[in-house]
Protein backbone atom coordinates (compact mmCIF):
# COMPACT_ATOMS: atom_id res chain seq x y z
CA MET A 1 0.00 0.00 0.00
CA SER A 2 1.13 3.51 -0.68
CA THR A 3 1.82 6.10 1.99
CA ALA A 4 -1.33 8.01 1.00
CA SER A 5 -3.41 4.85 1.43
CA TRP A 6 -1.95 4.23 4.88
CA LEU A 7 -2.62 7.86 5.85
CA ALA A 8 -6.22 7.71 4.60
CA LEU A 9 -6.75 4.41 6.41
CA PHE A 10 -5.32 5.86 9.63
CA LEU A 11 -7.55 8.96 9.36
CA GLY A 12 -10.56 6.76 8.64
CA VAL A 13 -9.91 4.65 11.73
CA LEU A 14 -9.48 7.84 13.80
CA ALA A 15 -12.78 9.18 12.48
CA LEU A 16 -14.51 5.90 13.32
CA ALA A 17 -12.98 5.96 16.79
CA ALA A 18 -14.26 9.54 17.25
CA ALA A 19 -17.72 8.41 16.15
CA ILE A 20 -17.69 5.59 18.69
CA GLN A 21 -16.37 7.90 21.41
CA ALA A 22 -19.13 10.44 20.67
CA GLY A 23 -21.70 7.89 21.78
CA ASN A 24 -25.23 9.39 21.76
CA ASP A 25 -24.11 12.81 20.48
CA LEU A 26 -25.38 12.36 16.94
CA THR A 27 -24.10 15.76 15.77
CA ILE A 28 -20.56 14.36 16.08
CA ALA A 29 -21.07 10.60 15.70
CA VAL A 30 -22.88 10.63 12.35
CA PRO A 31 -20.48 12.90 10.41
CA ALA A 32 -17.39 11.27 11.96
CA GLY A 33 -18.73 7.80 11.20
CA ALA A 34 -19.58 8.79 7.62
CA VAL A 35 -16.09 10.22 7.07
CA GLY A 36 -14.48 7.15 8.60
CA VAL A 37 -16.49 4.71 6.50
CA ALA A 38 -15.88 6.77 3.35
CA LEU A 39 -12.11 6.89 3.89
CA VAL A 40 -11.79 3.18 4.66
CA ALA A 41 -13.99 2.31 1.65
CA LEU A 42 -11.96 4.63 -0.58
CA VAL A 43 -8.71 2.94 0.45
CA GLY A 44 -10.27 -0.46 -0.25
CA VAL A 45 -11.44 0.56 -3.71
CA VAL A 46 -8.11 2.16 -4.63
CA GLU A 47 -6.11 -0.86 -3.47
CA VAL A 48 -8.34 -3.40 -5.21
CA ARG A 49 -8.28 -1.35 -8.40
CA SER A 50 -4.48 -0.98 -8.35
CA ARG A 51 -4.02 -4.71 -7.89
CA THR A 52 -6.53 -5.79 -10.51
CA SER A 53 -5.49 -3.21 -13.11
CA GLN A 54 -2.45 -5.39 -13.76
CA LEU A 55 -4.72 -8.33 -14.55
CA TRP A 56 -7.37 -6.63 -16.68
CA ARG A 57 -7.35 -4.14 -19.56
CA VAL A 58 -10.29 -2.12 -20.80
CA ARG A 59 -10.91 -2.60 -24.51
CA GLY A 60 -13.68 -0.25 -25.49
CA THR A 61 -16.29 -0.93 -22.81
CA VAL A 62 -15.27 -4.56 -22.17
CA LEU A 63 -12.75 -5.81 -19.61
CA VAL A 64 -10.32 -8.30 -21.14
CA ARG A 65 -8.21 -10.55 -18.91
CA LEU A 66 -4.49 -10.34 -19.67
CA PRO A 67 -2.63 -13.62 -20.15
CA PRO A 68 -0.81 -14.71 -16.97
CA ASP A 69 2.56 -15.07 -18.67
CA ARG A 70 2.54 -11.45 -19.85
CA PRO A 71 5.91 -9.84 -19.07
CA THR A 72 5.52 -7.03 -16.58
CA SER A 73 8.41 -4.95 -17.88
CA ASP A 74 11.30 -4.72 -20.28
CA SER A 75 14.42 -6.77 -19.49
CA LEU A 76 16.50 -3.58 -19.41
CA LEU A 77 14.20 -2.18 -16.74
CA GLN A 78 14.58 -5.42 -14.80
CA LEU A 79 18.37 -5.05 -15.01
CA ARG A 80 18.12 -1.45 -13.80
CA LYS A 81 16.03 -2.63 -10.83
CA SER A 82 18.59 -5.35 -10.15
CA PHE A 83 21.44 -2.81 -10.10
CA ARG A 84 19.44 -0.57 -7.76
CA ALA A 85 18.83 -3.53 -5.45
CA GLY A 86 22.56 -3.66 -4.75
CA ILE A 87 24.01 -6.95 -3.56
CA ILE A 88 20.59 -8.62 -3.57
CA GLY A 89 20.13 -7.90 -7.29
CA ARG A 90 23.50 -9.30 -8.34
CA SER A 91 22.21 -12.88 -8.72
CA SER A 92 19.58 -11.61 -11.14
CA ILE A 93 22.23 -9.74 -13.13
CA LEU A 94 24.41 -12.87 -13.32
CA ALA A 95 21.42 -14.96 -14.41
CA THR A 96 20.61 -12.47 -17.19
CA LEU A 97 24.20 -12.45 -18.42
CA ARG A 98 24.36 -16.25 -18.22
CA GLY A 99 21.21 -16.47 -20.34
CA LEU A 100 22.66 -14.14 -22.96
CA GLU A 101 25.91 -16.10 -23.05
CA ARG A 102 24.03 -19.39 -23.26
CA ASP A 103 22.19 -18.09 -26.32
CA LEU A 104 25.56 -17.41 -27.95
CA ALA A 105 27.05 -20.78 -27.01
CA PRO A 106 24.12 -23.22 -27.34
CA THR A 107 26.08 -26.08 -25.78
CA GLY A 108 24.16 -25.34 -22.59
CA ARG A 109 27.21 -25.32 -20.36
CA THR A 110 27.58 -22.72 -17.65
CA LEU A 111 30.48 -20.44 -18.38
CA LEU A 112 31.19 -19.75 -14.67
CA SER A 113 31.94 -22.26 -11.96
CA LEU A 114 30.14 -21.93 -8.64
CA GLU A 115 33.31 -20.65 -6.99
CA GLU A 116 33.79 -17.99 -9.68
CA GLU A 117 30.17 -16.95 -9.37
CA ARG A 118 30.43 -16.65 -5.58
CA ALA A 119 33.62 -14.57 -5.93
CA ILE A 120 31.88 -12.25 -8.40
CA LEU A 121 28.86 -11.85 -6.13
CA ASP A 122 31.21 -10.87 -3.28
CA LEU A 123 33.04 -8.14 -5.25
CA PRO A 124 32.74 -4.51 -4.11
CA PRO A 125 30.31 -2.41 -6.19
CA GLU A 126 32.77 -0.77 -8.60
CA PRO A 127 34.72 -3.94 -9.54
CA PHE A 128 31.39 -5.75 -9.96
CA ARG A 129 30.19 -3.07 -12.40
CA ARG A 130 33.47 -3.32 -14.34
CA TRP A 131 33.10 -7.11 -14.51
CA VAL A 132 29.53 -6.78 -15.83
CA GLU A 133 30.65 -4.18 -18.35
CA GLU A 134 33.41 -6.50 -19.62
CA ARG A 135 30.95 -9.40 -19.96
CA ILE A 136 28.55 -7.21 -21.93
CA ARG A 137 31.39 -6.14 -24.23
CA ARG A 138 32.22 -9.81 -24.88
CA ILE A 139 28.59 -10.59 -25.62
CA GLU A 140 28.36 -7.64 -28.02
CA ALA A 141 31.58 -8.69 -29.73
CA ALA A 142 30.30 -12.23 -30.19
CA THR A 143 27.08 -11.13 -31.91
């Protein structure tokens, strides 16, 4: 959930608590209860809509279900996310490079041993980036 959703949910719960605390004073209880219910319902609708919008697309006036194997983003965007993830994203980067190299050498063999892969994953950030850059240069040269 987004920060705005959490804030709206918190304010809705506060409004509902104020309505309950007001007790028989209807001049406070009714408006506070209405605001609380409206905010909680709004958060629910927004969250359900944001989660289902990835599964459905509107075509004209008809909702069409997207196929489940639809890629969610471009592979370059995935790599960018992996780099931003720091050490956690390095395995994804290595897997992407391994896939590209495997396409070039269809023998199916892994070009890095497990020890080499572990050593690469443990490199500091700058040497890791240089290693990735060198691998990409080799892949480009081979195509």
